[in-house]
């Protein structure tokens, strides 16, 4: 959390400019709402929403975002010639395929646990990339907060059903 506190005070979350980079932290955090809201609804016993079944909303959005997060590491893979260039494409494909197969074949609870583990593993890869100065401190701060919200939401939803 020290990482986040440093960035809060340095203006990473301040909307004083209109560049796309200024909006990125807010868009990232807004992207956690489709995880958080269905998890809360399910914990309250509400499975149906105006958008449909909360289980399906959470499962499908989780699959979409975990695939997006895994895919975002391909940009790093394509620019590297070290060990990361070999590890990232295999790791990210395994994550995406495991999550997809769990979506197709497994129970909702199993999907939530697999998604939570996948988001945690992707966060650990980003943490290592940050430690090696491959990704920025600002990105890692926002990523940490968003990942915490997402994983907690998935675990809440997985424990409720």
N, C-alpha and C. Protein backbone atom coordinates (compact mmCIF):
# COMPACT_ATOMS: atom_id res chain seq x y z
N UNK A 1 0.81 -1.19 0.00
CA UNK A 1 0.00 0.00 0.00
C UNK A 1 0.85 1.26 0.00
N UNK A 2 2.11 1.15 0.43
CA UNK A 2 3.00 2.31 0.39
C UNK A 2 3.15 2.78 -1.05
N UNK A 3 3.22 1.84 -1.97
CA UNK A 3 3.31 2.16 -3.39
C UNK A 3 2.11 3.00 -3.82
N UNK A 4 0.92 2.61 -3.39
CA UNK A 4 -0.28 3.36 -3.74
C UNK A 4 -0.27 4.73 -3.07
N UNK A 5 0.10 4.78 -1.80
CA UNK A 5 0.12 6.06 -1.09
C UNK A 5 1.07 7.05 -1.76
N UNK A 6 2.22 6.57 -2.20
CA UNK A 6 3.17 7.44 -2.91
C UNK A 6 2.52 8.03 -4.16
N UNK A 7 1.75 7.21 -4.88
CA UNK A 7 1.16 7.69 -6.12
C UNK A 7 -0.06 8.55 -5.90
N UNK A 8 -0.78 8.30 -4.82
CA UNK A 8 -1.90 9.18 -4.52
C UNK A 8 -1.39 10.58 -4.24
N UNK A 9 -0.30 10.67 -3.49
CA UNK A 9 0.25 11.99 -3.15
C UNK A 9 0.98 12.64 -4.32
N UNK A 10 1.45 11.84 -5.28
CA UNK A 10 2.18 12.41 -6.40
C UNK A 10 1.27 12.83 -7.55
N UNK A 11 -0.01 12.59 -7.41
CA UNK A 11 -0.95 13.06 -8.41
C UNK A 11 -1.34 12.05 -9.46
N UNK A 12 -0.97 10.78 -9.30
CA UNK A 12 -1.34 9.78 -10.29
C UNK A 12 -2.86 9.70 -10.44
N UNK A 13 -3.58 9.88 -9.34
CA UNK A 13 -5.03 9.77 -9.38
C UNK A 13 -5.71 11.13 -9.53
N UNK A 14 -4.95 12.19 -9.68
CA UNK A 14 -5.56 13.52 -9.81
C UNK A 14 -5.91 13.80 -11.27
N UNK A 15 -7.07 14.33 -11.49
CA UNK A 15 -7.56 14.60 -12.83
C UNK A 15 -7.31 16.06 -13.19
N UNK A 16 -6.06 16.48 -13.20
CA UNK A 16 -5.76 17.87 -13.49
C UNK A 16 -5.45 18.08 -14.96
N UNK A 17 -5.26 17.01 -15.71
CA UNK A 17 -4.98 17.11 -17.13
C UNK A 17 -6.07 16.34 -17.87
N UNK A 18 -6.09 16.47 -19.17
CA UNK A 18 -7.09 15.75 -19.95
C UNK A 18 -6.47 14.70 -20.85
N UNK A 19 -5.22 14.34 -20.62
CA UNK A 19 -4.59 13.32 -21.45
C UNK A 19 -5.17 11.94 -21.11
N UNK A 20 -5.09 11.00 -22.06
CA UNK A 20 -5.59 9.64 -21.79
C UNK A 20 -4.92 9.00 -20.58
N UNK A 21 -3.67 9.31 -20.32
CA UNK A 21 -2.98 8.72 -19.17
C UNK A 21 -3.63 9.14 -17.86
N UNK A 22 -4.19 10.33 -17.82
CA UNK A 22 -4.85 10.81 -16.61
C UNK A 22 -6.10 9.98 -16.32
N UNK A 23 -6.77 9.55 -17.36
CA UNK A 23 -8.01 8.79 -17.19
C UNK A 23 -7.76 7.32 -16.93
N UNK A 24 -6.61 6.81 -17.27
CA UNK A 24 -6.34 5.38 -17.17
C UNK A 24 -6.57 4.80 -15.78
N UNK A 25 -6.07 5.42 -14.71
CA UNK A 25 -6.33 4.84 -13.38
C UNK A 25 -7.82 4.76 -13.06
N UNK A 26 -8.56 5.78 -13.44
CA UNK A 26 -9.99 5.80 -13.15
C UNK A 26 -10.74 4.76 -13.98
N UNK A 27 -10.36 4.61 -15.24
CA UNK A 27 -10.99 3.59 -16.08
C UNK A 27 -10.67 2.19 -15.55
N UNK A 28 -9.44 2.01 -15.11
CA UNK A 28 -9.04 0.72 -14.54
C UNK A 28 -9.89 0.39 -13.32
N UNK A 29 -10.02 1.35 -12.42
CA UNK A 29 -10.81 1.12 -11.21
C UNK A 29 -12.29 0.96 -11.53
N UNK A 30 -12.79 1.70 -12.51
CA UNK A 30 -14.19 1.53 -12.92
C UNK A 30 -14.42 0.12 -13.47
N UNK A 31 -13.39 -0.44 -14.09
CA UNK A 31 -13.49 -1.79 -14.61
C UNK A 31 -13.61 -2.86 -13.55
N UNK A 32 -13.40 -2.49 -12.29
CA UNK A 32 -13.59 -3.46 -11.21
C UNK A 32 -15.06 -3.56 -10.78
N UNK A 33 -15.87 -2.58 -11.16
CA UNK A 33 -17.28 -2.59 -10.75
C UNK A 33 -18.05 -3.82 -11.25
N UNK A 34 -17.83 -4.28 -12.50
CA UNK A 34 -18.53 -5.50 -12.93
C UNK A 34 -18.09 -6.76 -12.18
N UNK A 35 -17.02 -6.68 -11.41
CA UNK A 35 -16.66 -7.77 -10.50
C UNK A 35 -17.34 -7.55 -9.15
N UNK A 36 -17.22 -6.36 -8.65
CA UNK A 36 -17.68 -6.04 -7.30
C UNK A 36 -19.20 -6.12 -7.16
N UNK A 37 -19.92 -5.51 -8.09
CA UNK A 37 -21.38 -5.47 -7.96
C UNK A 37 -22.04 -6.85 -7.99
N UNK A 38 -21.74 -7.71 -8.98
CA UNK A 38 -22.36 -9.04 -8.94
C UNK A 38 -21.96 -9.85 -7.70
N UNK A 39 -20.73 -9.67 -7.23
CA UNK A 39 -20.31 -10.39 -6.02
C UNK A 39 -21.15 -9.94 -4.82
N UNK A 40 -21.40 -8.65 -4.73
CA UNK A 40 -22.24 -8.14 -3.64
C UNK A 40 -23.67 -8.63 -3.81
N UNK A 41 -24.18 -8.55 -5.03
CA UNK A 41 -25.55 -9.02 -5.28
C UNK A 41 -25.70 -10.48 -4.87
N UNK A 42 -24.73 -11.31 -5.27
CA UNK A 42 -24.82 -12.72 -4.92
C UNK A 42 -24.74 -12.94 -3.42
N UNK A 43 -23.91 -12.15 -2.75
CA UNK A 43 -23.80 -12.30 -1.29
C UNK A 43 -25.10 -11.89 -0.58
N UNK A 44 -25.89 -11.04 -1.24
CA UNK A 44 -27.19 -10.63 -0.71
C UNK A 44 -28.32 -11.57 -1.13
N UNK A 45 -27.96 -12.58 -1.93
CA UNK A 45 -28.96 -13.53 -2.38
C UNK A 45 -29.68 -13.15 -3.66
N UNK A 46 -29.21 -12.13 -4.34
CA UNK A 46 -29.83 -11.70 -5.60
C UNK A 46 -29.05 -12.33 -6.75
N UNK A 47 -29.68 -13.19 -7.49
CA UNK A 47 -28.97 -13.79 -8.61
C UNK A 47 -29.37 -13.18 -9.95
N UNK A 48 -30.52 -12.51 -9.99
CA UNK A 48 -30.95 -11.90 -11.25
C UNK A 48 -30.88 -10.39 -11.17
N UNK A 49 -30.39 -9.78 -12.23
CA UNK A 49 -30.27 -8.33 -12.32
C UNK A 49 -30.93 -7.88 -13.61
N UNK A 50 -30.95 -6.60 -13.84
CA UNK A 50 -31.49 -6.08 -15.10
C UNK A 50 -30.68 -6.58 -16.30
N UNK A 51 -29.41 -6.91 -16.06
CA UNK A 51 -28.54 -7.38 -17.14
C UNK A 51 -28.54 -8.90 -17.27
N UNK A 52 -29.25 -9.59 -16.41
CA UNK A 52 -29.29 -11.04 -16.48
C UNK A 52 -28.76 -11.68 -15.21
N UNK A 53 -28.44 -12.95 -15.33
CA UNK A 53 -27.97 -13.74 -14.20
C UNK A 53 -26.61 -13.24 -13.71
N UNK A 54 -26.51 -12.93 -12.43
CA UNK A 54 -25.27 -12.39 -11.86
C UNK A 54 -24.12 -13.38 -11.97
N UNK A 55 -24.41 -14.68 -11.91
CA UNK A 55 -23.36 -15.69 -12.06
C UNK A 55 -22.74 -15.58 -13.46
N UNK A 56 -23.61 -15.53 -14.47
CA UNK A 56 -23.13 -15.45 -15.84
C UNK A 56 -22.40 -14.13 -16.10
N UNK A 57 -22.93 -13.04 -15.57
CA UNK A 57 -22.27 -11.73 -15.74
C UNK A 57 -20.85 -11.77 -15.19
N UNK A 58 -20.71 -12.30 -13.99
CA UNK A 58 -19.40 -12.34 -13.35
C UNK A 58 -18.46 -13.31 -14.05
N UNK A 59 -18.95 -14.48 -14.41
CA UNK A 59 -18.11 -15.47 -15.11
C UNK A 59 -17.64 -14.96 -16.46
N UNK A 60 -18.56 -14.42 -17.25
CA UNK A 60 -18.19 -13.98 -18.60
C UNK A 60 -17.29 -12.75 -18.56
N UNK A 61 -17.57 -11.81 -17.67
CA UNK A 61 -16.72 -10.62 -17.56
C UNK A 61 -15.34 -11.01 -17.03
N UNK A 62 -15.30 -11.93 -16.08
CA UNK A 62 -14.01 -12.42 -15.57
C UNK A 62 -13.18 -13.04 -16.67
N UNK A 63 -13.81 -13.86 -17.51
CA UNK A 63 -13.11 -14.48 -18.63
C UNK A 63 -12.59 -13.42 -19.60
N UNK A 64 -13.42 -12.44 -19.91
CA UNK A 64 -13.02 -11.35 -20.80
C UNK A 64 -11.79 -10.61 -20.26
N UNK A 65 -11.84 -10.22 -19.00
CA UNK A 65 -10.78 -9.39 -18.43
C UNK A 65 -9.51 -10.19 -18.17
N UNK A 66 -9.62 -11.44 -17.72
CA UNK A 66 -8.40 -12.23 -17.51
C UNK A 66 -7.70 -12.46 -18.85
N UNK A 67 -8.47 -12.65 -19.92
CA UNK A 67 -7.88 -12.80 -21.25
C UNK A 67 -7.22 -11.50 -21.70
N UNK A 68 -7.88 -10.38 -21.43
CA UNK A 68 -7.31 -9.07 -21.75
C UNK A 68 -6.00 -8.84 -20.99
N UNK A 69 -6.01 -9.13 -19.69
CA UNK A 69 -4.81 -8.92 -18.88
C UNK A 69 -3.67 -9.82 -19.34
N UNK A 70 -3.99 -11.06 -19.66
CA UNK A 70 -2.96 -11.97 -20.17
C UNK A 70 -2.44 -11.46 -21.52
N UNK A 71 -3.35 -11.02 -22.37
CA UNK A 71 -2.96 -10.51 -23.68
C UNK A 71 -2.12 -9.25 -23.60
N UNK A 72 -2.34 -8.44 -22.57
CA UNK A 72 -1.55 -7.21 -22.45
C UNK A 72 -0.07 -7.51 -22.22
N UNK A 73 0.22 -8.68 -21.69
CA UNK A 73 1.62 -9.06 -21.48
C UNK A 73 2.32 -9.43 -22.80
N UNK A 74 1.54 -9.67 -23.84
CA UNK A 74 2.15 -9.97 -25.14
C UNK A 74 2.92 -8.78 -25.69
N UNK A 75 2.48 -7.58 -25.38
CA UNK A 75 3.22 -6.40 -25.82
C UNK A 75 4.62 -6.39 -25.24
N UNK A 76 4.75 -6.82 -24.00
CA UNK A 76 6.07 -6.92 -23.36
C UNK A 76 6.86 -8.04 -24.01
N UNK A 77 6.22 -9.17 -24.21
CA UNK A 77 6.88 -10.33 -24.84
C UNK A 77 7.47 -9.97 -26.20
N UNK A 78 6.74 -9.20 -26.98
CA UNK A 78 7.19 -8.88 -28.33
C UNK A 78 8.39 -7.93 -28.35
N UNK A 79 8.60 -7.19 -27.27
CA UNK A 79 9.72 -6.24 -27.21
C UNK A 79 10.94 -6.81 -26.50
N UNK A 80 10.87 -8.04 -26.01
CA UNK A 80 11.96 -8.59 -25.22
C UNK A 80 12.69 -9.68 -25.99
N UNK A 81 13.94 -9.90 -25.62
CA UNK A 81 14.71 -11.01 -26.17
C UNK A 81 15.30 -11.88 -25.06
N UNK A 82 14.90 -11.61 -23.82
CA UNK A 82 15.41 -12.36 -22.68
C UNK A 82 14.45 -13.49 -22.31
N UNK A 83 14.56 -13.99 -21.10
CA UNK A 83 13.71 -15.08 -20.63
C UNK A 83 12.23 -14.75 -20.66
N UNK A 84 11.91 -13.47 -20.49
CA UNK A 84 10.50 -13.07 -20.54
C UNK A 84 9.89 -13.37 -21.90
N UNK A 85 10.68 -13.25 -22.96
CA UNK A 85 10.14 -13.45 -24.31
C UNK A 85 9.72 -14.90 -24.53
N UNK A 86 10.28 -15.82 -23.77
CA UNK A 86 9.89 -17.22 -23.88
C UNK A 86 8.78 -17.57 -22.88
N UNK A 87 8.85 -17.00 -21.69
CA UNK A 87 7.90 -17.34 -20.63
C UNK A 87 6.51 -16.75 -20.86
N UNK A 88 6.44 -15.48 -21.20
CA UNK A 88 5.16 -14.78 -21.25
C UNK A 88 4.14 -15.37 -22.22
N UNK A 89 4.53 -15.72 -23.46
CA UNK A 89 3.49 -16.24 -24.36
C UNK A 89 2.92 -17.58 -23.91
N UNK A 90 3.77 -18.44 -23.36
CA UNK A 90 3.29 -19.74 -22.89
C UNK A 90 2.41 -19.56 -21.66
N UNK A 91 2.90 -18.80 -20.69
CA UNK A 91 2.17 -18.58 -19.44
C UNK A 91 0.81 -17.95 -19.70
N UNK A 92 0.77 -16.91 -20.52
CA UNK A 92 -0.49 -16.21 -20.76
C UNK A 92 -1.48 -17.08 -21.53
N UNK A 93 -1.00 -17.89 -22.44
CA UNK A 93 -1.90 -18.80 -23.15
C UNK A 93 -2.47 -19.86 -22.22
N UNK A 94 -1.64 -20.37 -21.32
CA UNK A 94 -2.13 -21.36 -20.35
C UNK A 94 -3.21 -20.74 -19.48
N UNK A 95 -2.96 -19.53 -18.98
CA UNK A 95 -3.95 -18.83 -18.15
C UNK A 95 -5.28 -18.68 -18.91
N UNK A 96 -5.20 -18.15 -20.12
CA UNK A 96 -6.42 -17.90 -20.90
C UNK A 96 -7.17 -19.21 -21.19
N UNK A 97 -6.46 -20.25 -21.55
CA UNK A 97 -7.12 -21.52 -21.88
C UNK A 97 -7.72 -22.20 -20.65
N UNK A 98 -7.01 -22.18 -19.54
CA UNK A 98 -7.55 -22.77 -18.31
C UNK A 98 -8.83 -22.04 -17.90
N UNK A 99 -8.82 -20.72 -17.98
CA UNK A 99 -10.01 -19.95 -17.62
C UNK A 99 -11.16 -20.22 -18.59
N UNK A 100 -10.84 -20.34 -19.86
CA UNK A 100 -11.89 -20.61 -20.85
C UNK A 100 -12.51 -21.99 -20.62
N UNK A 101 -11.65 -23.01 -20.42
CA UNK A 101 -12.18 -24.35 -20.17
C UNK A 101 -12.98 -24.40 -18.87
N UNK A 102 -12.55 -23.66 -17.87
CA UNK A 102 -13.33 -23.64 -16.62
C UNK A 102 -14.69 -22.99 -16.85
N UNK A 103 -14.73 -21.97 -17.70
CA UNK A 103 -15.99 -21.31 -18.05
C UNK A 103 -16.94 -22.29 -18.75
N UNK A 104 -16.37 -23.11 -19.63
CA UNK A 104 -17.19 -24.05 -20.40
C UNK A 104 -17.62 -25.27 -19.60
N UNK A 105 -16.77 -25.73 -18.69
CA UNK A 105 -16.97 -27.05 -18.11
C UNK A 105 -17.21 -27.12 -16.61
N UNK A 106 -16.81 -26.12 -15.87
CA UNK A 106 -16.82 -26.24 -14.41
C UNK A 106 -17.95 -25.44 -13.76
N UNK A 107 -18.15 -25.72 -12.49
CA UNK A 107 -19.16 -25.00 -11.72
C UNK A 107 -18.76 -23.55 -11.53
N UNK A 108 -19.73 -22.75 -11.16
CA UNK A 108 -19.49 -21.33 -10.91
C UNK A 108 -18.44 -21.13 -9.82
N UNK A 109 -18.54 -21.88 -8.75
CA UNK A 109 -17.59 -21.73 -7.64
C UNK A 109 -16.17 -22.05 -8.12
N UNK A 110 -16.01 -23.13 -8.87
CA UNK A 110 -14.69 -23.48 -9.40
C UNK A 110 -14.17 -22.38 -10.32
N UNK A 111 -15.04 -21.82 -11.14
CA UNK A 111 -14.63 -20.71 -12.02
C UNK A 111 -14.12 -19.53 -11.22
N UNK A 112 -14.81 -19.19 -10.15
CA UNK A 112 -14.40 -18.03 -9.33
C UNK A 112 -13.02 -18.26 -8.72
N UNK A 113 -12.78 -19.46 -8.23
CA UNK A 113 -11.48 -19.76 -7.63
C UNK A 113 -10.37 -19.76 -8.69
N UNK A 114 -10.65 -20.32 -9.85
CA UNK A 114 -9.65 -20.34 -10.93
C UNK A 114 -9.37 -18.92 -11.42
N UNK A 115 -10.41 -18.11 -11.57
CA UNK A 115 -10.19 -16.72 -11.97
C UNK A 115 -9.39 -15.96 -10.91
N UNK A 116 -9.73 -16.16 -9.63
CA UNK A 116 -8.99 -15.47 -8.56
C UNK A 116 -7.52 -15.87 -8.59
N UNK A 117 -7.24 -17.15 -8.76
CA UNK A 117 -5.86 -17.62 -8.84
C UNK A 117 -5.17 -17.04 -10.07
N UNK A 118 -5.87 -17.00 -11.19
CA UNK A 118 -5.28 -16.48 -12.43
C UNK A 118 -4.95 -15.00 -12.32
N UNK A 119 -5.87 -14.21 -11.76
CA UNK A 119 -5.58 -12.78 -11.57
C UNK A 119 -4.42 -12.58 -10.60
N UNK A 120 -4.32 -13.42 -9.59
CA UNK A 120 -3.20 -13.33 -8.65
C UNK A 120 -1.89 -13.66 -9.34
N UNK A 121 -1.88 -14.71 -10.14
CA UNK A 121 -0.66 -15.09 -10.87
C UNK A 121 -0.24 -14.00 -11.86
N UNK A 122 -1.21 -13.42 -12.56
CA UNK A 122 -0.89 -12.33 -13.49
C UNK A 122 -0.35 -11.12 -12.74
N UNK A 123 -0.90 -10.84 -11.55
CA UNK A 123 -0.39 -9.74 -10.72
C UNK A 123 1.05 -10.04 -10.29
N UNK A 124 1.34 -11.28 -9.92
CA UNK A 124 2.70 -11.64 -9.51
C UNK A 124 3.69 -11.46 -10.67
N UNK A 125 3.27 -11.78 -11.88
CA UNK A 125 4.13 -11.54 -13.05
C UNK A 125 4.38 -10.05 -13.21
N UNK A 126 3.32 -9.24 -13.10
CA UNK A 126 3.49 -7.79 -13.19
C UNK A 126 4.39 -7.26 -12.07
N UNK A 127 4.26 -7.82 -10.88
CA UNK A 127 5.13 -7.40 -9.77
C UNK A 127 6.59 -7.66 -10.11
N UNK A 128 6.87 -8.82 -10.67
CA UNK A 128 8.25 -9.15 -11.07
C UNK A 128 8.71 -8.21 -12.18
N UNK A 129 7.85 -7.92 -13.14
CA UNK A 129 8.20 -6.99 -14.21
C UNK A 129 8.46 -5.59 -13.66
N UNK A 130 7.69 -5.19 -12.66
CA UNK A 130 7.91 -3.88 -12.03
C UNK A 130 9.25 -3.88 -11.29
N UNK A 131 9.55 -4.96 -10.58
CA UNK A 131 10.82 -5.05 -9.85
C UNK A 131 12.01 -4.99 -10.80
N UNK A 132 11.82 -5.43 -12.02
CA UNK A 132 12.88 -5.38 -13.03
C UNK A 132 12.81 -4.10 -13.86
N UNK A 133 11.97 -3.16 -13.45
CA UNK A 133 11.82 -1.85 -14.10
C UNK A 133 11.33 -1.96 -15.54
N UNK A 134 10.52 -2.97 -15.80
CA UNK A 134 9.95 -3.16 -17.13
C UNK A 134 8.60 -2.45 -17.23
N UNK A 135 7.86 -2.39 -16.13
CA UNK A 135 6.62 -1.62 -16.09
C UNK A 135 6.76 -0.52 -15.04
N UNK A 136 5.92 0.49 -15.14
CA UNK A 136 6.08 1.69 -14.30
C UNK A 136 5.47 1.51 -12.91
N UNK A 137 5.95 2.33 -12.02
CA UNK A 137 5.45 2.35 -10.65
C UNK A 137 3.97 2.75 -10.60
N UNK A 138 3.59 3.72 -11.41
CA UNK A 138 2.20 4.17 -11.44
C UNK A 138 1.26 3.06 -11.89
N UNK A 139 1.67 2.35 -12.95
CA UNK A 139 0.85 1.23 -13.42
C UNK A 139 0.72 0.18 -12.33
N UNK A 140 1.82 -0.13 -11.67
CA UNK A 140 1.79 -1.17 -10.65
C UNK A 140 0.91 -0.78 -9.47
N UNK A 141 0.91 0.49 -9.12
CA UNK A 141 0.07 0.95 -8.01
C UNK A 141 -1.41 0.75 -8.33
N UNK A 142 -1.82 1.19 -9.50
CA UNK A 142 -3.22 1.04 -9.90
C UNK A 142 -3.56 -0.43 -10.08
N UNK A 143 -2.66 -1.17 -10.66
CA UNK A 143 -2.85 -2.61 -10.90
C UNK A 143 -3.06 -3.35 -9.59
N UNK A 144 -2.31 -2.96 -8.56
CA UNK A 144 -2.42 -3.61 -7.26
C UNK A 144 -3.79 -3.38 -6.64
N UNK A 145 -4.26 -2.15 -6.67
CA UNK A 145 -5.58 -1.84 -6.10
C UNK A 145 -6.66 -2.58 -6.88
N UNK A 146 -6.62 -2.50 -8.19
CA UNK A 146 -7.64 -3.15 -9.02
C UNK A 146 -7.62 -4.67 -8.81
N UNK A 147 -6.44 -5.25 -8.76
CA UNK A 147 -6.33 -6.70 -8.57
C UNK A 147 -6.88 -7.12 -7.21
N UNK A 148 -6.62 -6.33 -6.20
CA UNK A 148 -7.13 -6.63 -4.86
C UNK A 148 -8.67 -6.64 -4.87
N UNK A 149 -9.26 -5.63 -5.49
CA UNK A 149 -10.73 -5.55 -5.57
C UNK A 149 -11.28 -6.74 -6.35
N UNK A 150 -10.65 -7.06 -7.47
CA UNK A 150 -11.12 -8.15 -8.32
C UNK A 150 -11.02 -9.49 -7.60
N UNK A 151 -9.87 -9.78 -7.03
CA UNK A 151 -9.68 -11.07 -6.36
C UNK A 151 -10.63 -11.21 -5.16
N UNK A 152 -10.76 -10.16 -4.37
CA UNK A 152 -11.70 -10.21 -3.24
C UNK A 152 -13.13 -10.43 -3.71
N UNK A 153 -13.52 -9.78 -4.80
CA UNK A 153 -14.87 -9.95 -5.35
C UNK A 153 -15.09 -11.38 -5.81
N UNK A 154 -14.11 -11.94 -6.51
CA UNK A 154 -14.24 -13.31 -6.99
C UNK A 154 -14.32 -14.31 -5.84
N UNK A 155 -13.51 -14.09 -4.82
CA UNK A 155 -13.54 -14.99 -3.66
C UNK A 155 -14.85 -14.85 -2.89
N UNK A 156 -15.36 -13.64 -2.80
CA UNK A 156 -16.67 -13.43 -2.16
C UNK A 156 -17.75 -14.18 -2.93
N UNK A 157 -17.76 -14.01 -4.23
CA UNK A 157 -18.76 -14.69 -5.05
C UNK A 157 -18.58 -16.20 -5.00
N UNK A 158 -17.36 -16.67 -5.00
CA UNK A 158 -17.09 -18.10 -4.96
C UNK A 158 -17.45 -18.74 -3.63
N UNK A 159 -17.43 -17.95 -2.58
CA UNK A 159 -17.75 -18.49 -1.27
C UNK A 159 -19.22 -18.43 -0.93
N UNK A 160 -19.97 -17.65 -1.69
CA UNK A 160 -21.38 -17.44 -1.40
C UNK A 160 -22.23 -18.57 -1.95
N UNK A 161 -21.88 -19.06 -3.10
CA UNK A 161 -22.72 -20.05 -3.80
C UNK A 161 -22.47 -21.44 -3.27
